[in-house]
Amino acid sequence: MSAPTPICVKCRLEMRCVKNDRLVRDPEAGGLPSTFWMGDEYECPECKVRIVTGFGRPFPAEHDPTEMRARERVYGKALQFDYERPAKDGAE
């Protein structure tokens, strides 16, 4: 069974996968440790908005720094998730 394809709410179009295995860093917050996730990056073909979805099992950032540098070499620099950034257009 395949995973559902995200739909762009604004454009009402199916989004397209532009990158598998996107590395995302979830920062330390509320006493929880910083964590890295792997997900798939999708883009709307019309408005070009991008999302990351389909996260698998996390791995703590406290892992071996050499391993983390190796992952970033293979998968690219991690996207930084930001809890403090306000939503655009009044969205929650």
Protein backbone atom coordinates (compact mmCIF):
# COMPACT_ATOMS: atom_id res chain seq x y z
CA MET A 1 0.00 0.00 0.00
CA SER A 2 1.48 3.33 -1.00
CA ALA A 3 1.44 6.47 1.10
CA PRO A 4 -1.09 9.17 0.22
CA THR A 5 0.16 12.05 -1.92
CA PRO A 6 -0.09 15.49 -0.27
CA ILE A 7 -2.47 18.02 -1.82
CA CYS A 8 -1.75 21.76 -1.96
CA VAL A 9 -4.69 23.44 -0.20
CA LYS A 10 -4.21 26.73 -2.04
CA CYS A 11 -3.92 25.30 -5.57
CA ARG A 12 -5.91 22.06 -5.10
CA LEU A 13 -3.24 20.06 -6.91
CA GLU A 14 -1.28 16.94 -5.99
CA MET A 15 2.18 17.82 -4.83
CA ARG A 16 5.17 16.12 -6.45
CA CYS A 17 8.02 14.44 -4.59
CA VAL A 18 11.21 16.41 -5.32
CA LYS A 19 13.56 14.71 -2.84
CA ASN A 20 13.49 11.47 -0.88
CA ASP A 21 15.43 11.16 2.37
CA ARG A 22 15.40 14.85 3.33
CA LEU A 23 17.25 15.27 6.63
CA VAL A 24 15.30 17.45 9.13
CA ARG A 25 16.60 18.64 12.51
CA ASP A 26 14.03 18.96 15.28
CA PRO A 27 15.72 21.18 17.90
CA GLU A 28 15.82 20.60 21.64
CA ALA A 29 12.56 21.82 23.21
CA GLY A 30 10.66 21.30 26.44
CA GLY A 31 13.35 19.07 27.90
CA LEU A 32 13.33 16.75 24.87
CA PRO A 33 16.65 16.21 23.10
CA SER A 34 17.41 17.48 19.62
CA THR A 35 16.46 14.83 17.06
CA PHE A 36 17.01 14.20 13.37
CA TRP A 37 14.35 12.72 11.07
CA MET A 38 14.31 11.51 7.49
CA GLY A 39 11.32 12.48 5.36
CA ASP A 40 10.30 13.13 1.77
CA GLU A 41 10.13 16.65 0.35
CA TYR A 42 7.15 17.55 -1.85
CA GLU A 43 6.48 20.64 -3.95
CA CYS A 44 3.30 22.11 -5.43
CA PRO A 45 3.73 22.37 -9.22
CA GLU A 46 1.75 25.63 -9.27
CA CYS A 47 2.74 27.81 -6.28
CA LYS A 48 6.04 25.99 -5.51
CA VAL A 49 5.33 25.68 -1.77
CA ARG A 50 7.37 22.82 -0.27
CA ILE A 51 6.66 20.46 2.62
CA VAL A 52 8.43 17.52 4.25
CA THR A 53 6.30 14.52 5.24
CA GLY A 54 6.49 10.77 5.78
CA PHE A 55 8.92 10.82 8.69
CA GLY A 56 10.38 7.50 9.72
CA ARG A 57 12.08 6.60 12.96
CA PRO A 58 14.01 9.49 14.57
CA PHE A 59 17.61 9.28 15.64
CA PRO A 60 18.92 11.48 18.48
CA ALA A 61 21.34 14.28 17.61
CA GLU A 62 23.61 13.13 20.41
CA HIS A 63 24.81 10.32 18.17
CA ASP A 64 28.41 10.34 17.07
CA PRO A 65 29.17 13.76 15.46
CA THR A 66 31.19 11.97 12.77
CA GLU A 67 28.08 9.97 11.85
CA MET A 68 26.01 13.18 11.65
CA ARG A 69 28.56 14.85 9.36
CA ALA A 70 28.54 11.74 7.16
CA ARG A 71 24.71 11.81 6.97
CA GLU A 72 24.79 15.49 5.95
CA ARG A 73 27.36 14.71 3.25
CA VAL A 74 25.08 12.00 1.83
CA TYR A 75 21.65 13.63 2.34
CA GLY A 76 22.53 17.34 2.34
CA LYS A 77 22.40 19.88 5.12
CA ALA A 78 19.56 19.28 7.55
CA LEU A 79 16.53 21.57 7.41
CA GLN A 80 16.05 23.24 10.78
CA PHE A 81 12.54 22.89 12.21
CA ASP A 82 11.64 26.10 14.08
CA TYR A 83 9.03 26.04 16.86
CA GLU A 84 9.30 29.81 17.39
CA ARG A 85 8.67 30.96 13.81
CA PRO A 86 5.17 32.42 13.40
CA ALA A 87 2.81 30.93 10.83
CA LYS A 88 2.34 32.97 7.62
CA ASP A 89 -1.00 34.51 6.60
CA GLY A 90 -2.42 34.07 10.11
CA ALA A 91 -2.49 30.27 9.72
CA GLU A 92 -2.12 28.23 12.87
